[in-house]
Amino acid sequence: MKYRTKRRAVLAGLATAGVLASLGATAAPSSAQPLKPEPTVPSTAKVVPGLKGVSAAKDVHTGRPSGRFQALASQDGFCDVGDLCLYYLYSPTYGSGYDTAHNDQYLWDNHFIFAGAGRGSIVANNAEAYWNRDPSAYAYVCTGINYTGNCGWLAPNSFGNLNSTYADNVESLYWGNSAN
């Protein structure tokens, strides 16, 4: 239902800057950096050594996705090497995208900036697909602000759709190597 509602909003042109501005901003999080959660690994899960939690991906592919993808710096409208890109729609359509090479504890103040369906929409609770362009770092997406809720990983050099736990439910993200 949420997916259909989102698509109708795009088709009706409701995701414009004027509409977003009329919604107002939510309160910013405190300036204190919270600790990253320590996701638990189910005993039956097969994981890579040193990896925490479970995969947030519904499907995983390596290489470069087909379609119109742009590739250069964080939050510049291009999905560069070293970026995690979140997309408004499931593949193969993807829609607009958001790119970042940094930890972000609060995606409610970020917007999809690539051309396509959903451009201008808030990233939090609207991402359905991803592309982790970092060659070696796992990216973690969390269902709550400040790295809370369910946190799942996205493998380096992979792309695909987010699984049902994370699709339209990501509110923060961080990099597994903590250098970002």
N, C-alpha and C. Protein backbone atom coordinates (compact mmCIF):
# COMPACT_ATOMS: atom_id res chain seq x y z
N MET A 1 0.82 -1.19 0.00
CA MET A 1 0.00 0.00 0.00
C MET A 1 0.86 1.25 0.00
N LYS A 2 1.90 1.25 0.83
CA LYS A 2 2.77 2.41 0.90
C LYS A 2 3.45 2.66 -0.44
N TYR A 3 3.83 1.58 -1.14
CA TYR A 3 4.50 1.68 -2.43
C TYR A 3 3.58 2.34 -3.45
N ARG A 4 2.31 1.92 -3.49
CA ARG A 4 1.35 2.53 -4.41
C ARG A 4 1.12 3.99 -4.07
N THR A 5 1.01 4.30 -2.80
CA THR A 5 0.82 5.69 -2.39
C THR A 5 2.01 6.53 -2.81
N LYS A 6 3.20 6.00 -2.64
CA LYS A 6 4.41 6.73 -3.02
C LYS A 6 4.40 6.99 -4.52
N ARG A 7 4.08 5.98 -5.29
CA ARG A 7 4.08 6.11 -6.75
C ARG A 7 3.04 7.15 -7.19
N ARG A 8 1.85 7.14 -6.57
CA ARG A 8 0.83 8.13 -6.90
C ARG A 8 1.30 9.54 -6.60
N ALA A 9 2.00 9.70 -5.47
CA ALA A 9 2.50 11.03 -5.11
C ALA A 9 3.49 11.54 -6.15
N VAL A 10 4.32 10.65 -6.64
CA VAL A 10 5.28 11.06 -7.67
C VAL A 10 4.56 11.42 -8.94
N LEU A 11 3.65 10.57 -9.37
CA LEU A 11 2.93 10.82 -10.61
C LEU A 11 2.09 12.08 -10.53
N ALA A 12 1.58 12.39 -9.37
CA ALA A 12 0.77 13.59 -9.20
C ALA A 12 1.62 14.83 -9.01
N GLY A 13 2.94 14.67 -8.93
CA GLY A 13 3.81 15.83 -8.79
C GLY A 13 3.85 16.38 -7.38
N LEU A 14 3.53 15.56 -6.38
CA LEU A 14 3.48 16.07 -5.02
C LEU A 14 4.85 16.17 -4.38
N ALA A 15 5.87 15.54 -4.97
CA ALA A 15 7.22 15.56 -4.39
C ALA A 15 8.01 16.76 -4.90
N THR A 16 7.39 17.92 -4.91
CA THR A 16 8.08 19.12 -5.35
C THR A 16 8.63 19.88 -4.15
N ALA A 17 9.52 20.80 -4.41
CA ALA A 17 10.14 21.56 -3.32
C ALA A 17 9.10 22.32 -2.52
N GLY A 18 8.07 22.83 -3.16
CA GLY A 18 7.04 23.58 -2.45
C GLY A 18 6.29 22.72 -1.46
N VAL A 19 5.98 21.50 -1.85
CA VAL A 19 5.26 20.58 -0.96
C VAL A 19 6.15 20.18 0.20
N LEU A 20 7.41 19.86 -0.09
CA LEU A 20 8.32 19.46 0.98
C LEU A 20 8.53 20.59 1.98
N ALA A 21 8.66 21.81 1.50
CA ALA A 21 8.85 22.95 2.40
C ALA A 21 7.63 23.16 3.28
N SER A 22 6.43 22.89 2.72
CA SER A 22 5.22 23.09 3.52
C SER A 22 5.08 22.05 4.63
N LEU A 23 5.77 20.92 4.49
CA LEU A 23 5.69 19.89 5.52
C LEU A 23 6.48 20.26 6.77
N GLY A 24 7.46 21.12 6.64
CA GLY A 24 8.28 21.53 7.78
C GLY A 24 9.32 20.49 8.10
N ALA A 25 10.32 20.87 8.83
CA ALA A 25 11.41 19.95 9.20
C ALA A 25 11.16 19.39 10.58
N THR A 26 11.64 18.21 10.81
CA THR A 26 11.54 17.63 12.13
C THR A 26 12.71 18.11 12.96
N ALA A 27 12.62 17.96 14.24
CA ALA A 27 13.68 18.43 15.13
C ALA A 27 14.97 17.70 14.85
N ALA A 28 16.07 18.41 14.88
CA ALA A 28 17.38 17.80 14.65
C ALA A 28 17.80 16.99 15.87
N PRO A 29 18.58 15.94 15.64
CA PRO A 29 19.04 15.14 16.77
C PRO A 29 20.06 15.91 17.58
N SER A 30 20.31 15.44 18.80
CA SER A 30 21.28 16.10 19.65
C SER A 30 22.65 16.01 19.02
N SER A 31 23.56 16.89 19.39
CA SER A 31 24.88 16.93 18.80
C SER A 31 25.78 15.83 19.34
N ALA A 32 25.40 15.19 20.41
CA ALA A 32 26.21 14.10 20.97
C ALA A 32 26.16 12.90 20.04
N GLN A 33 27.30 12.34 19.72
CA GLN A 33 27.37 11.17 18.85
C GLN A 33 27.02 9.92 19.64
N PRO A 34 25.92 9.24 19.31
CA PRO A 34 25.56 8.02 20.03
C PRO A 34 26.49 6.88 19.60
N LEU A 35 26.55 5.86 20.41
CA LEU A 35 27.32 4.68 20.06
C LEU A 35 26.58 3.89 19.01
N LYS A 36 27.32 3.28 18.11
CA LYS A 36 26.71 2.44 17.09
C LYS A 36 26.20 1.17 17.75
N PRO A 37 25.05 0.67 17.30
CA PRO A 37 24.51 -0.53 17.92
C PRO A 37 25.36 -1.74 17.57
N GLU A 38 25.29 -2.73 18.39
CA GLU A 38 25.97 -4.00 18.15
C GLU A 38 24.90 -5.00 17.75
N PRO A 39 24.60 -5.11 16.43
CA PRO A 39 23.56 -6.05 16.01
C PRO A 39 23.92 -7.48 16.39
N THR A 40 22.91 -8.26 16.67
CA THR A 40 23.15 -9.66 17.04
C THR A 40 23.07 -10.53 15.80
N VAL A 41 23.80 -11.60 15.79
CA VAL A 41 23.83 -12.54 14.68
C VAL A 41 23.10 -13.80 15.12
N PRO A 42 22.03 -14.18 14.40
CA PRO A 42 21.34 -15.41 14.76
C PRO A 42 22.31 -16.59 14.64
N SER A 43 22.18 -17.58 15.51
CA SER A 43 23.11 -18.70 15.53
C SER A 43 23.06 -19.51 14.24
N THR A 44 21.97 -19.43 13.50
CA THR A 44 21.84 -20.19 12.26
C THR A 44 22.37 -19.43 11.05
N ALA A 45 22.71 -18.15 11.21
CA ALA A 45 23.14 -17.33 10.08
C ALA A 45 24.57 -17.64 9.68
N LYS A 46 24.80 -17.68 8.36
CA LYS A 46 26.15 -17.86 7.84
C LYS A 46 26.68 -16.46 7.53
N VAL A 47 27.75 -16.06 8.19
CA VAL A 47 28.26 -14.70 8.01
C VAL A 47 29.75 -14.71 7.73
N VAL A 48 30.22 -13.60 7.21
CA VAL A 48 31.64 -13.40 6.98
C VAL A 48 32.27 -13.08 8.33
N PRO A 49 33.46 -13.60 8.64
CA PRO A 49 34.10 -13.30 9.93
C PRO A 49 34.23 -11.79 10.16
N GLY A 50 33.89 -11.34 11.37
CA GLY A 50 33.98 -9.92 11.73
C GLY A 50 32.78 -9.10 11.33
N LEU A 51 31.83 -9.65 10.59
CA LEU A 51 30.65 -8.94 10.16
C LEU A 51 29.58 -9.02 11.23
N LYS A 52 28.88 -7.92 11.48
CA LYS A 52 27.84 -7.88 12.51
C LYS A 52 26.46 -7.89 11.86
N GLY A 53 25.51 -8.52 12.48
CA GLY A 53 24.13 -8.49 12.02
C GLY A 53 23.89 -9.34 10.80
N VAL A 54 22.84 -9.01 10.07
CA VAL A 54 22.42 -9.75 8.88
C VAL A 54 22.41 -8.81 7.69
N SER A 55 22.32 -9.37 6.52
CA SER A 55 22.27 -8.57 5.30
C SER A 55 20.94 -7.82 5.22
N ALA A 56 20.99 -6.58 4.78
CA ALA A 56 19.78 -5.78 4.56
C ALA A 56 19.30 -5.91 3.13
N ALA A 57 20.04 -6.66 2.32
CA ALA A 57 19.72 -6.79 0.90
C ALA A 57 18.70 -7.88 0.65
N LYS A 58 17.77 -7.62 -0.24
CA LYS A 58 16.82 -8.63 -0.69
C LYS A 58 17.50 -9.47 -1.76
N ASP A 59 18.18 -8.80 -2.69
CA ASP A 59 18.95 -9.49 -3.72
C ASP A 59 20.28 -8.76 -3.85
N VAL A 60 21.31 -9.49 -4.23
CA VAL A 60 22.66 -8.94 -4.29
C VAL A 60 23.26 -9.23 -5.65
N HIS A 61 23.83 -8.20 -6.25
CA HIS A 61 24.53 -8.32 -7.52
C HIS A 61 25.86 -7.61 -7.36
N THR A 62 26.83 -7.97 -8.17
CA THR A 62 28.10 -7.27 -8.15
C THR A 62 28.33 -6.60 -9.49
N GLY A 63 29.27 -5.66 -9.50
CA GLY A 63 29.56 -4.93 -10.73
C GLY A 63 28.76 -3.65 -10.81
N ARG A 64 28.32 -3.30 -12.01
CA ARG A 64 27.58 -2.07 -12.24
C ARG A 64 26.17 -2.40 -12.70
N PRO A 65 25.15 -1.80 -12.04
CA PRO A 65 23.78 -2.08 -12.47
C PRO A 65 23.52 -1.53 -13.86
N SER A 66 22.64 -2.18 -14.60
CA SER A 66 22.28 -1.66 -15.91
C SER A 66 21.36 -0.47 -15.72
N GLY A 67 21.20 0.32 -16.73
CA GLY A 67 20.33 1.48 -16.64
C GLY A 67 21.14 2.76 -16.55
N ARG A 68 20.47 3.85 -16.27
CA ARG A 68 21.12 5.16 -16.27
C ARG A 68 21.68 5.46 -14.89
N PHE A 69 22.94 5.17 -14.71
CA PHE A 69 23.62 5.46 -13.45
C PHE A 69 24.71 6.47 -13.70
N GLN A 70 24.85 7.39 -12.81
CA GLN A 70 25.88 8.40 -12.92
C GLN A 70 27.00 8.06 -11.97
N ALA A 71 28.18 8.32 -12.37
CA ALA A 71 29.28 8.04 -11.50
C ALA A 71 30.20 9.24 -11.41
N LEU A 72 30.95 10.64 -9.40
CA LEU A 72 32.07 11.44 -8.98
C LEU A 72 32.08 11.63 -7.47
N ALA A 73 31.70 13.11 -5.73
CA ALA A 73 31.90 13.33 -4.31
C ALA A 73 30.58 13.11 -3.58
N SER A 74 30.64 12.90 -2.36
CA SER A 74 29.50 12.60 -1.52
C SER A 74 28.43 13.68 -1.66
N GLN A 75 27.19 13.26 -1.81
CA GLN A 75 26.02 14.13 -1.92
C GLN A 75 26.17 15.14 -3.05
N ASP A 76 26.74 14.67 -4.18
CA ASP A 76 26.90 15.54 -5.34
C ASP A 76 25.98 15.15 -6.50
N GLY A 77 25.13 14.16 -6.29
CA GLY A 77 24.23 13.73 -7.34
C GLY A 77 24.82 12.67 -8.26
N PHE A 78 25.97 12.12 -7.88
CA PHE A 78 26.62 11.07 -8.66
C PHE A 78 26.97 9.92 -7.73
N CYS A 79 26.79 8.71 -8.18
CA CYS A 79 27.11 7.54 -7.38
C CYS A 79 28.56 7.15 -7.65
N ASP A 80 29.48 7.76 -6.91
CA ASP A 80 30.91 7.58 -7.10
C ASP A 80 31.45 6.37 -6.35
N VAL A 81 32.66 5.94 -6.75
CA VAL A 81 33.36 4.91 -6.00
C VAL A 81 33.54 5.44 -4.58
N GLY A 82 33.20 4.65 -3.58
CA GLY A 82 33.27 5.06 -2.18
C GLY A 82 31.94 5.52 -1.61
N ASP A 83 30.92 5.67 -2.44
CA ASP A 83 29.60 6.11 -1.99
C ASP A 83 28.68 4.92 -1.71
N LEU A 84 27.72 5.15 -0.83
CA LEU A 84 26.54 4.29 -0.72
C LEU A 84 25.42 5.10 -1.34
N CYS A 85 24.76 4.54 -2.31
CA CYS A 85 23.65 5.23 -2.97
C CYS A 85 22.36 4.51 -2.62
N LEU A 86 21.38 5.27 -2.20
CA LEU A 86 20.06 4.75 -1.90
C LEU A 86 19.11 5.28 -2.96
N TYR A 87 18.19 4.44 -3.42
CA TYR A 87 17.29 4.79 -4.51
C TYR A 87 15.84 4.74 -4.06
N TYR A 88 15.06 5.64 -4.65
CA TYR A 88 13.66 5.83 -4.29
C TYR A 88 12.78 4.64 -4.66
N LEU A 89 13.07 3.98 -5.77
CA LEU A 89 12.24 2.87 -6.23
C LEU A 89 13.06 1.58 -6.33
N TYR A 90 12.36 0.45 -6.32
CA TYR A 90 13.01 -0.85 -6.52
C TYR A 90 13.63 -0.90 -7.91
N SER A 91 14.64 -1.80 -8.09
CA SER A 91 15.20 -2.00 -9.42
C SER A 91 14.17 -2.76 -10.26
N PRO A 92 14.15 -2.63 -11.56
CA PRO A 92 15.14 -1.95 -12.38
C PRO A 92 14.84 -0.47 -12.62
N THR A 93 13.79 0.07 -12.04
CA THR A 93 13.43 1.47 -12.28
C THR A 93 14.34 2.43 -11.51
N TYR A 94 14.59 2.15 -10.25
CA TYR A 94 15.42 2.91 -9.33
C TYR A 94 14.88 4.29 -8.97
N GLY A 95 14.47 5.09 -9.91
CA GLY A 95 14.01 6.45 -9.59
C GLY A 95 15.17 7.31 -9.15
N SER A 96 14.87 8.35 -8.40
CA SER A 96 15.90 9.27 -7.94
C SER A 96 16.80 8.60 -6.91
N GLY A 97 17.98 9.17 -6.71
CA GLY A 97 18.92 8.58 -5.76
C GLY A 97 19.54 9.60 -4.83
N TYR A 98 20.17 9.10 -3.80
CA TYR A 98 20.90 9.89 -2.80
C TYR A 98 22.24 9.20 -2.61
N ASP A 99 23.33 9.97 -2.63
CA ASP A 99 24.66 9.38 -2.48
C ASP A 99 25.39 9.98 -1.29
N THR A 100 26.12 9.14 -0.55
CA THR A 100 26.92 9.62 0.57
C THR A 100 28.09 8.69 0.80
N ALA A 101 29.19 9.27 1.25
CA ALA A 101 30.37 8.48 1.62
C ALA A 101 30.62 8.61 3.12
N HIS A 102 29.64 9.14 3.85
CA HIS A 102 29.81 9.42 5.27
C HIS A 102 28.72 8.76 6.11
N ASN A 103 29.00 8.57 7.39
CA ASN A 103 27.98 8.12 8.33
C ASN A 103 26.91 9.19 8.42
N ASP A 104 25.67 8.79 8.58
CA ASP A 104 24.58 9.76 8.73
C ASP A 104 23.57 9.19 9.72
N GLN A 105 23.51 9.79 10.92
CA GLN A 105 22.63 9.30 11.98
C GLN A 105 21.19 9.77 11.82
N TYR A 106 20.93 10.61 10.82
CA TYR A 106 19.61 11.23 10.71
C TYR A 106 19.29 11.52 9.25
N LEU A 107 18.66 10.58 8.54
CA LEU A 107 18.37 10.76 7.12
C LEU A 107 17.12 11.60 6.85
N TRP A 108 16.46 12.07 7.89
CA TRP A 108 15.26 12.89 7.73
C TRP A 108 15.57 14.27 7.16
N ASP A 109 16.84 14.69 7.19
CA ASP A 109 17.18 16.00 6.63
C ASP A 109 17.93 15.88 5.30
N ASN A 110 17.83 14.72 4.66
CA ASN A 110 18.44 14.49 3.36
C ASN A 110 17.35 14.22 2.33
N HIS A 111 17.63 14.57 1.08
CA HIS A 111 16.65 14.41 0.01
C HIS A 111 17.26 13.67 -1.18
N PHE A 112 16.42 12.96 -1.92
CA PHE A 112 16.86 12.33 -3.15
C PHE A 112 17.17 13.43 -4.15
N ILE A 113 18.37 13.38 -4.75
CA ILE A 113 18.82 14.50 -5.59
C ILE A 113 19.07 14.14 -7.05
N PHE A 114 19.09 12.86 -7.39
CA PHE A 114 19.29 12.48 -8.79
C PHE A 114 18.00 12.74 -9.55
N ALA A 115 18.12 12.89 -10.87
CA ALA A 115 16.94 13.01 -11.72
C ALA A 115 16.14 11.71 -11.63
N GLY A 116 14.84 11.82 -11.67
CA GLY A 116 13.99 10.63 -11.67
C GLY A 116 12.85 10.73 -10.69
N ALA A 117 11.99 9.72 -10.70
CA ALA A 117 10.83 9.68 -9.82
C ALA A 117 11.28 9.77 -8.36
N GLY A 118 10.66 10.64 -7.60
CA GLY A 118 10.97 10.79 -6.18
C GLY A 118 11.97 11.89 -5.89
N ARG A 119 12.50 12.56 -6.92
CA ARG A 119 13.47 13.63 -6.69
C ARG A 119 12.88 14.67 -5.75
N GLY A 120 13.65 15.05 -4.71
CA GLY A 120 13.20 16.02 -3.72
C GLY A 120 12.56 15.38 -2.50
N SER A 121 12.20 14.10 -2.58
CA SER A 121 11.60 13.42 -1.43
C SER A 121 12.65 13.19 -0.35
N ILE A 122 12.21 13.08 0.88
CA ILE A 122 13.09 12.80 2.01
C ILE A 122 13.60 11.37 1.90
N VAL A 123 14.89 11.16 2.19
CA VAL A 123 15.51 9.83 2.07
C VAL A 123 14.96 8.87 3.14
N ALA A 124 14.82 9.36 4.38
CA ALA A 124 14.36 8.49 5.47
C ALA A 124 13.01 7.86 5.13
N ASN A 125 12.93 6.54 5.33
CA ASN A 125 11.72 5.76 5.11
C ASN A 125 11.20 5.82 3.68
N ASN A 126 12.08 6.09 2.70
CA ASN A 126 11.68 6.10 1.30
C ASN A 126 12.62 5.34 0.39
N ALA A 127 13.71 4.78 0.88
CA ALA A 127 14.66 4.07 0.03
C ALA A 127 14.24 2.62 -0.17
N GLU A 128 14.32 2.15 -1.41
CA GLU A 128 13.92 0.77 -1.72
C GLU A 128 15.05 -0.04 -2.34
N ALA A 129 16.06 0.63 -2.91
CA ALA A 129 17.18 -0.07 -3.54
C ALA A 129 18.48 0.62 -3.13
N TYR A 130 19.61 -0.06 -3.38
CA TYR A 130 20.91 0.47 -2.95
C TYR A 130 22.00 0.10 -3.95
N TRP A 131 23.13 0.81 -3.85
CA TRP A 131 24.36 0.45 -4.56
C TRP A 131 25.50 0.86 -3.66
N ASN A 132 26.23 -0.10 -3.10
CA ASN A 132 27.41 0.19 -2.27
C ASN A 132 28.61 0.18 -3.21
N ARG A 133 29.12 1.36 -3.55
CA ARG A 133 30.23 1.48 -4.49
C ARG A 133 31.57 1.47 -3.80
N ASP A 134 31.62 1.25 -2.49
CA ASP A 134 32.91 1.17 -1.82
C ASP A 134 33.51 -0.20 -2.14
N PRO A 135 34.80 -0.25 -2.53
CA PRO A 135 35.40 -1.52 -2.91
C PRO A 135 35.69 -2.47 -1.74
N SER A 136 35.70 -1.96 -0.50
CA SER A 136 36.07 -2.84 0.61
C SER A 136 35.23 -2.68 1.87
N ALA A 137 34.47 -1.63 2.02
CA ALA A 137 33.74 -1.38 3.27
C ALA A 137 32.28 -1.82 3.17
N TYR A 138 31.82 -2.49 4.23
CA TYR A 138 30.40 -2.82 4.37
C TYR A 138 29.69 -1.57 4.86
N ALA A 139 28.52 -1.29 4.31
CA ALA A 139 27.69 -0.19 4.79
C ALA A 139 26.57 -0.81 5.62
N TYR A 140 26.19 -0.16 6.71
CA TYR A 140 25.10 -0.62 7.55
C TYR A 140 23.94 0.38 7.44
N VAL A 141 22.74 -0.12 7.28
CA VAL A 141 21.54 0.72 7.29
C VAL A 141 20.71 0.32 8.51
N CYS A 142 20.13 1.32 9.17
CA CYS A 142 19.36 1.07 10.40
C CYS A 142 17.96 1.63 10.26
N THR A 143 17.00 0.98 10.92
CA THR A 143 15.60 1.38 10.82
C THR A 143 15.23 2.51 11.78
N GLY A 144 16.15 2.94 12.63
CA GLY A 144 15.90 4.05 13.54
C GLY A 144 16.98 5.11 13.41
N ILE A 145 16.70 6.32 13.89
CA ILE A 145 17.72 7.36 13.89
C ILE A 145 18.80 7.01 14.90
N ASN A 146 19.94 7.65 14.78
CA ASN A 146 21.06 7.43 15.69
C ASN A 146 21.51 5.97 15.73
N TYR A 147 21.44 5.29 14.57
CA TYR A 147 21.91 3.91 14.42
C TYR A 147 21.19 2.93 15.35
N THR A 148 19.89 3.11 15.51
CA THR A 148 19.09 2.23 16.37
C THR A 148 18.16 1.38 15.51
N GLY A 149 17.40 0.55 16.16
CA GLY A 149 16.48 -0.33 15.45
C GLY A 149 17.23 -1.50 14.86
N ASN A 150 16.68 -2.10 13.83
CA ASN A 150 17.36 -3.18 13.12
C ASN A 150 18.44 -2.57 12.24
N CYS A 151 19.65 -3.12 12.32
CA CYS A 151 20.76 -2.67 11.47
C CYS A 151 21.24 -3.85 10.66
N GLY A 152 21.30 -3.68 9.36
CA GLY A 152 21.76 -4.74 8.48
C GLY A 152 22.83 -4.22 7.54
N TRP A 153 23.66 -5.13 7.04
CA TRP A 153 24.79 -4.71 6.21
C TRP A 153 24.50 -4.87 4.73
N LEU A 154 25.25 -4.06 3.96
CA LEU A 154 25.23 -4.12 2.50
C LEU A 154 26.67 -4.34 2.06
N ALA A 155 26.94 -5.42 1.37
CA ALA A 155 28.29 -5.81 1.00
C ALA A 155 28.96 -4.80 0.06
N PRO A 156 30.30 -4.73 0.11
CA PRO A 156 31.04 -3.85 -0.81
C PRO A 156 30.79 -4.27 -2.26
N ASN A 157 30.83 -3.28 -3.16
CA ASN A 157 30.66 -3.53 -4.60
C ASN A 157 29.42 -4.35 -4.91
N SER A 158 28.30 -4.04 -4.26
CA SER A 158 27.06 -4.76 -4.52
C SER A 158 25.92 -3.79 -4.71
N PHE A 159 24.87 -4.24 -5.37
CA PHE A 159 23.67 -3.44 -5.56
C PHE A 159 22.47 -4.36 -5.59
N GLY A 160 21.30 -3.79 -5.39
CA GLY A 160 20.06 -4.57 -5.45
C GLY A 160 18.95 -3.88 -4.69
N ASN A 161 17.92 -4.63 -4.39
CA ASN A 161 16.78 -4.12 -3.63
C ASN A 161 17.00 -4.38 -2.15
N LEU A 162 16.49 -3.50 -1.30
CA LEU A 162 16.51 -3.72 0.14
C LEU A 162 15.43 -4.75 0.48
N ASN A 163 15.68 -5.57 1.50
CA ASN A 163 14.67 -6.57 1.87
C ASN A 163 13.50 -5.90 2.60
N SER A 164 12.49 -6.67 2.93
CA SER A 164 11.26 -6.11 3.50
C SER A 164 11.47 -5.41 4.85
N THR A 165 12.49 -5.78 5.60
CA THR A 165 12.76 -5.11 6.87
C THR A 165 13.24 -3.68 6.65
N TYR A 166 13.99 -3.45 5.58
CA TYR A 166 14.65 -2.16 5.37
C TYR A 166 14.02 -1.31 4.27
N ALA A 167 13.34 -1.89 3.31
CA ALA A 167 12.72 -1.12 2.23
C ALA A 167 11.72 -0.13 2.82
N ASP A 168 11.85 1.12 2.46
CA ASP A 168 10.99 2.20 2.97
C ASP A 168 11.05 2.31 4.49
N ASN A 169 12.21 1.95 5.09
CA ASN A 169 12.31 1.95 6.54
C ASN A 169 13.71 2.31 7.05
N VAL A 170 14.58 2.84 6.21
CA VAL A 170 15.95 3.20 6.62
C VAL A 170 15.96 4.64 7.12
N GLU A 171 16.47 4.86 8.36
CA GLU A 171 16.53 6.21 8.92
C GLU A 171 17.94 6.67 9.26
N SER A 172 18.93 5.76 9.24
CA SER A 172 20.32 6.14 9.48
C SER A 172 21.23 5.12 8.82
N LEU A 173 22.49 5.50 8.60
CA LEU A 173 23.45 4.58 7.99
C LEU A 173 24.84 4.87 8.50
N TYR A 174 25.67 3.83 8.52
CA TYR A 174 27.08 4.02 8.88
C TYR A 174 27.92 2.98 8.17
N TRP A 175 29.22 3.27 8.10
CA TRP A 175 30.18 2.41 7.42
C TRP A 175 30.84 1.48 8.42
N GLY A 176 31.05 0.24 8.04
CA GLY A 176 31.66 -0.75 8.91
C GLY A 176 33.10 -0.44 9.27
N ASN A 177 33.81 0.32 8.43
CA ASN A 177 35.21 0.62 8.73
C ASN A 177 35.37 1.87 9.61
N SER A 178 34.28 2.57 9.91
CA SER A 178 34.25 3.75 10.79
C SER A 178 35.20 4.87 10.36
N ALA A 179 35.76 4.81 9.18
CA ALA A 179 36.64 5.88 8.70
C ALA A 179 35.88 6.97 7.99
N ASN A 180 34.61 6.74 7.76
CA ASN A 180 33.83 7.70 6.98
C ASN A 180 33.13 8.68 7.88
